[in-house]
Amino acid sequence: MIRRRLYTEERYSPLARWSFRLALFSVPVVALAAGLYRAGMLDFQPAIATLSAGLGMALIAAAMGIVAFFITWETGWLGIGRAIAAVAIGGLVLAGPAAVLARGMMLPKLTDIATDPTDPPRFRALMLAHPRDANSLAFGGSAAAETQRMAYPGIKPVDLTATPEEAFNTVLALVQKRRWHILDAIPPRGTRRDGQIEAVAVSPVMGFRSDVSIRIRPTAKGARVDVRSSARYGIHDLGTNAQRIEALMADLAAERRRR
């Protein structure tokens, strides 16, 4: 019995064992980065470093699992199940970030997107709540505006036939539905004052924050809605700001058709 056990241990693939362990360890590392950042216990750069470490572990574990699979397949050693599990776990951990990076890397390095880049909605309340080490709230100027037009030609204002007050209430309801943290909501006052909503949007997994400013401006036929979304940290938003604006504008257009 003892001899048989020793023989079995000798034939178990160490690479399969360690690939599985590393894959399992990558999961809490990624979860820890997201959890601590969302809770405000970790700054952006340390959170990114921790996340990158977890993703790196998952990638190495998956590569080791692939090698271990072929070794166990050819030699007949034990551990093929753990090798497959390492590849599966590593793939699951990497799938989401890899998809975001693959899509985002084809887009220009922008962190601030507006439906009206020549006259973007301004930030007022968020200027007071903005961290000092965060990206500037000043729009990038004509160069950034031209880059945005080339990358996101569909990002445009929405004109409504509703009154400015009705448009403001509709947009405010959509923002509340998204559970963005509203810092200020100033209703329009006829043709004398634009309406404005300022809020902070939080990404679903990592909790990355983006500052959002929405302007409701009276027009001859009703109201025009402009949206600006600015990533608080990083040098590339990976397309998330444009997606946020497009989703909000699509919901606003759907509300307009219902009415």
Protein backbone atom coordinates (compact mmCIF):
# COMPACT_ATOMS: atom_id res chain seq x y z
CA MET A 1 0.00 0.00 0.00
CA ILE A 2 2.80 2.43 0.94
CA ARG A 3 4.79 1.54 -2.16
CA ARG A 4 1.78 2.10 -4.35
CA ARG A 5 1.11 5.51 -2.75
CA LEU A 6 4.71 6.61 -3.26
CA TYR A 7 4.59 5.48 -6.86
CA THR A 8 1.41 7.47 -7.46
CA GLU A 9 2.93 10.60 -5.86
CA GLU A 10 5.95 10.32 -8.11
CA ARG A 11 3.75 10.19 -11.18
CA TYR A 12 1.69 13.25 -10.30
CA SER A 13 2.60 16.26 -12.46
CA PRO A 14 4.04 19.07 -10.30
CA LEU A 15 3.30 21.56 -13.09
CA ALA A 16 -0.38 20.63 -13.06
CA ARG A 17 -0.52 21.03 -9.30
CA TRP A 18 1.14 24.44 -9.26
CA SER A 19 -0.81 25.76 -12.23
CA PHE A 20 -4.03 24.91 -10.42
CA ARG A 21 -2.86 26.54 -7.20
CA LEU A 22 -1.75 29.69 -9.00
CA ALA A 23 -5.05 29.91 -10.87
CA LEU A 24 -6.99 29.63 -7.61
CA PHE A 25 -4.79 32.28 -5.97
CA SER A 26 -5.39 34.75 -8.82
CA VAL A 27 -9.12 34.87 -8.05
CA PRO A 28 -8.89 36.43 -4.54
CA VAL A 29 -6.13 38.79 -5.72
CA VAL A 30 -8.41 40.22 -8.43
CA ALA A 31 -11.37 40.28 -6.03
CA LEU A 32 -9.25 42.02 -3.39
CA ALA A 33 -8.21 44.75 -5.84
CA ALA A 34 -11.84 45.41 -6.80
CA GLY A 35 -13.18 45.21 -3.25
CA LEU A 36 -10.59 47.48 -1.66
CA TYR A 37 -10.86 50.06 -4.42
CA ARG A 38 -14.66 50.15 -4.30
CA ALA A 39 -14.48 50.56 -0.52
CA GLY A 40 -12.06 53.47 -0.88
CA MET A 41 -9.31 51.60 0.97
CA LEU A 42 -6.99 51.52 -2.04
CA ASP A 43 -5.95 54.33 -4.39
CA PHE A 44 -6.16 54.00 -8.16
CA GLN A 45 -2.51 53.15 -8.89
CA PRO A 46 -2.16 50.47 -6.16
CA ALA A 47 -5.51 49.02 -7.24
CA ILE A 48 -4.34 48.80 -10.86
CA ALA A 49 -1.06 47.22 -9.72
CA THR A 50 -2.91 44.62 -7.62
CA LEU A 51 -5.36 43.91 -10.44
CA SER A 52 -2.50 43.52 -12.92
CA ALA A 53 -0.75 41.11 -10.55
CA GLY A 54 -3.89 38.98 -10.29
CA LEU A 55 -4.40 38.96 -14.05
CA GLY A 56 -0.73 38.13 -14.58
CA MET A 57 -1.06 35.17 -12.24
CA ALA A 58 -4.12 33.98 -14.15
CA LEU A 59 -2.26 34.24 -17.46
CA ILE A 60 0.77 32.34 -16.16
CA ALA A 61 -1.47 29.71 -14.58
CA ALA A 62 -3.35 29.19 -17.84
CA ALA A 63 -0.08 28.86 -19.78
CA MET A 64 1.30 26.41 -17.21
CA GLY A 65 -1.97 24.47 -17.37
CA ILE A 66 -1.72 24.11 -21.14
CA VAL A 67 1.86 22.80 -20.88
CA ALA A 68 0.89 20.50 -17.99
CA PHE A 69 -2.02 19.14 -20.03
CA PHE A 70 0.24 18.01 -22.88
CA ILE A 71 2.83 16.62 -20.48
CA THR A 72 0.26 14.54 -18.60
CA TRP A 73 -1.36 13.49 -21.87
CA GLU A 74 1.92 12.24 -23.30
CA THR A 75 3.41 10.69 -20.15
CA GLY A 76 0.27 9.38 -18.49
CA TRP A 77 1.04 11.21 -15.26
CA LEU A 78 -1.77 12.20 -12.96
CA GLY A 79 -3.00 15.81 -12.90
CA ILE A 80 -4.72 16.31 -16.24
CA GLY A 81 -7.90 17.38 -14.41
CA ARG A 82 -6.07 20.09 -12.49
CA ALA A 83 -4.32 21.25 -15.64
CA ILE A 84 -7.70 21.67 -17.38
CA ALA A 85 -9.10 23.43 -14.30
CA ALA A 86 -6.15 25.84 -14.26
CA VAL A 87 -6.77 26.76 -17.89
CA ALA A 88 -10.51 27.18 -17.25
CA ILE A 89 -10.09 29.35 -14.14
CA GLY A 90 -7.36 31.45 -15.77
CA GLY A 91 -9.52 31.92 -18.85
CA LEU A 92 -12.53 33.01 -16.80
CA VAL A 93 -10.47 35.54 -14.85
CA LEU A 94 -8.92 36.95 -18.02
CA ALA A 95 -11.98 36.90 -20.29
CA GLY A 96 -13.62 40.15 -19.16
CA PRO A 97 -10.50 42.33 -18.94
CA ALA A 98 -9.16 40.91 -22.21
CA ALA A 99 -12.38 41.79 -24.06
CA VAL A 100 -12.35 45.35 -22.66
CA LEU A 101 -8.68 45.85 -23.51
CA ALA A 102 -9.03 44.38 -27.00
CA ARG A 103 -11.89 46.75 -27.81
CA GLY A 104 -10.39 49.76 -26.07
CA MET A 105 -6.92 49.52 -27.57
CA MET A 106 -8.39 50.13 -31.03
CA LEU A 107 -9.70 53.49 -29.81
CA PRO A 108 -7.75 56.73 -29.25
CA LYS A 109 -6.44 57.69 -25.82
CA LEU A 110 -9.30 59.86 -24.62
CA THR A 111 -10.58 60.23 -21.07
CA ASP A 112 -13.16 62.98 -21.60
CA ILE A 113 -16.07 62.67 -24.05
CA ALA A 114 -18.85 65.20 -24.72
CA THR A 115 -21.77 65.37 -27.14
CA ASP A 116 -20.76 68.99 -27.83
CA PRO A 117 -16.94 69.05 -27.74
CA THR A 118 -16.81 72.70 -28.85
CA ASP A 119 -18.97 73.77 -25.88
CA PRO A 120 -18.98 70.83 -23.45
CA PRO A 121 -21.14 70.87 -20.30
CA ARG A 122 -19.11 72.26 -17.45
CA PHE A 123 -18.44 70.86 -14.01
CA ARG A 124 -19.34 73.01 -11.03
CA ALA A 125 -20.23 70.93 -7.99
CA LEU A 126 -17.74 68.25 -9.03
CA MET A 127 -14.93 70.80 -9.00
CA LEU A 128 -15.26 70.88 -5.20
CA ALA A 129 -15.45 67.08 -4.82
CA HIS A 130 -12.71 66.29 -7.32
CA PRO A 131 -9.57 64.61 -5.88
CA ARG A 132 -6.34 66.52 -6.40
CA ASP A 133 -4.55 63.59 -8.02
CA ALA A 134 -7.37 62.91 -10.49
CA ASN A 135 -7.45 63.85 -14.17
CA SER A 136 -8.13 67.49 -14.94
CA LEU A 137 -11.75 68.51 -15.50
CA ALA A 138 -10.66 70.93 -18.23
CA PHE A 139 -11.70 69.64 -21.66
CA GLY A 140 -8.88 68.74 -24.04
CA GLY A 141 -9.54 71.51 -26.56
CA SER A 142 -9.81 71.44 -30.35
CA ALA A 143 -7.36 68.55 -30.80
CA ALA A 144 -9.34 66.31 -28.44
CA ALA A 145 -12.60 67.44 -30.06
CA GLU A 146 -11.37 66.46 -33.52
CA THR A 147 -10.06 63.11 -32.26
CA GLN A 148 -13.42 62.43 -30.66
CA ARG A 149 -15.33 63.28 -33.85
CA MET A 150 -13.20 60.82 -35.81
CA ALA A 151 -13.54 58.03 -33.23
CA TYR A 152 -17.15 58.56 -32.14
CA PRO A 153 -19.15 60.24 -34.92
CA GLY A 154 -22.41 59.08 -33.31
CA ILE A 155 -21.87 61.01 -30.07
CA LYS A 156 -24.24 63.94 -30.57
CA PRO A 157 -26.78 65.98 -28.59
CA VAL A 158 -30.43 64.95 -28.48
CA ASP A 159 -33.08 67.51 -29.40
CA LEU A 160 -36.45 67.09 -27.73
CA THR A 161 -39.82 68.70 -28.42
CA ALA A 162 -40.59 68.57 -24.69
CA THR A 163 -40.21 71.64 -22.50
CA PRO A 164 -36.86 72.07 -20.74
CA GLU A 165 -38.51 71.21 -17.43
CA GLU A 166 -39.97 67.98 -18.83
CA ALA A 167 -36.65 67.05 -20.42
CA PHE A 168 -34.85 67.73 -17.13
CA ASN A 169 -37.24 65.48 -15.18
CA THR A 170 -36.89 62.68 -17.75
CA VAL A 171 -33.09 62.81 -17.71
CA LEU A 172 -33.02 63.00 -13.91
CA ALA A 173 -35.20 59.87 -13.71
CA LEU A 174 -32.83 58.03 -16.07
CA VAL A 175 -29.81 59.04 -13.97
CA GLN A 176 -31.54 57.86 -10.79
CA LYS A 177 -32.44 54.58 -12.49
CA ARG A 178 -28.75 54.03 -13.17
CA ARG A 179 -27.97 54.69 -9.51
CA TRP A 180 -25.34 57.29 -10.29
CA HIS A 181 -24.38 59.37 -7.29
CA ILE A 182 -26.00 62.77 -7.93
CA LEU A 183 -24.04 65.72 -6.54
CA ASP A 184 -26.17 68.51 -7.96
CA ALA A 185 -29.38 68.88 -9.95
CA ILE A 186 -30.35 72.39 -11.03
CA PRO A 187 -33.62 72.56 -13.00
CA PRO A 188 -33.85 74.91 -16.00
CA ARG A 189 -35.62 78.23 -15.67
CA GLY A 190 -37.34 79.01 -18.94
CA THR A 191 -34.89 80.56 -21.39
CA ARG A 192 -32.92 82.25 -18.61
CA ARG A 193 -31.01 79.29 -17.17
CA ASP A 194 -29.84 75.91 -18.43
CA GLY A 195 -30.67 72.86 -16.38
CA GLN A 196 -27.72 70.81 -15.16
CA ILE A 197 -27.19 67.46 -13.49
CA GLU A 198 -23.80 66.43 -12.11
CA ALA A 199 -23.20 62.88 -11.00
CA VAL A 200 -20.55 60.23 -10.45
CA ALA A 201 -20.90 56.96 -12.37
CA VAL A 202 -19.21 53.85 -10.98
CA SER A 203 -18.17 50.89 -13.14
CA PRO A 204 -19.88 47.61 -12.13
CA VAL A 205 -16.85 45.44 -11.32
CA MET A 206 -13.84 47.52 -10.31
CA GLY A 207 -15.78 50.58 -9.23
CA PHE A 208 -13.82 53.02 -11.41
CA ARG A 209 -15.39 56.46 -11.13
CA SER A 210 -16.30 58.81 -13.96
CA ASP A 211 -17.62 62.35 -13.56
CA VAL A 212 -20.76 63.12 -15.56
CA SER A 213 -22.29 66.49 -16.39
CA ILE A 214 -25.62 66.77 -18.23
CA ARG A 215 -26.91 70.07 -19.63
CA ILE A 216 -30.53 70.74 -20.61
CA ARG A 217 -30.65 73.87 -22.76
CA PRO A 218 -33.85 75.53 -24.06
CA THR A 219 -34.26 75.68 -27.85
CA ALA A 220 -36.86 77.17 -30.19
CA LYS A 221 -38.58 73.77 -30.50
CA GLY A 222 -38.08 72.47 -26.95
CA ALA A 223 -34.82 71.42 -25.33
CA ARG A 224 -31.40 70.09 -26.22
CA VAL A 225 -29.63 67.55 -23.98
CA ASP A 226 -25.83 67.42 -23.89
CA VAL A 227 -23.81 64.92 -21.88
CA ARG A 228 -20.18 64.86 -20.84
CA SER A 229 -18.45 61.91 -19.19
CA SER A 230 -14.87 62.11 -17.89
CA ALA A 231 -12.80 59.26 -16.45
CA ARG A 232 -11.41 60.29 -13.10
CA TYR A 233 -8.13 58.37 -13.43
CA GLY A 234 -5.99 56.80 -16.14
CA ILE A 235 -4.79 57.85 -19.58
CA HIS A 236 -7.32 55.80 -21.57
CA ASP A 237 -11.02 55.26 -20.88
CA LEU A 238 -11.12 52.20 -23.20
CA GLY A 239 -14.34 53.51 -24.73
CA THR A 240 -16.37 53.42 -21.52
CA ASN A 241 -17.30 57.12 -21.56
CA ALA A 242 -18.69 56.90 -25.08
CA GLN A 243 -20.63 53.77 -24.18
CA ARG A 244 -22.09 55.51 -21.14
CA ILE A 245 -23.24 58.50 -23.18
CA GLU A 246 -24.63 56.37 -26.00
CA ALA A 247 -26.61 54.21 -23.56
CA LEU A 248 -28.09 57.25 -21.81
CA MET A 249 -28.99 58.94 -25.09
CA ALA A 250 -30.57 55.72 -26.40
CA ASP A 251 -32.75 55.49 -23.30
CA LEU A 252 -33.65 59.16 -23.64
CA ALA A 253 -34.66 58.63 -27.29
CA ALA A 254 -36.75 55.62 -26.24
CA GLU A 255 -38.52 57.72 -23.61
CA ARG A 256 -39.20 60.38 -26.26
CA ARG A 257 -40.79 57.80 -28.60
CA ARG A 258 -43.02 56.48 -25.81
CA ARG A 259 -44.42 59.89 -25.21
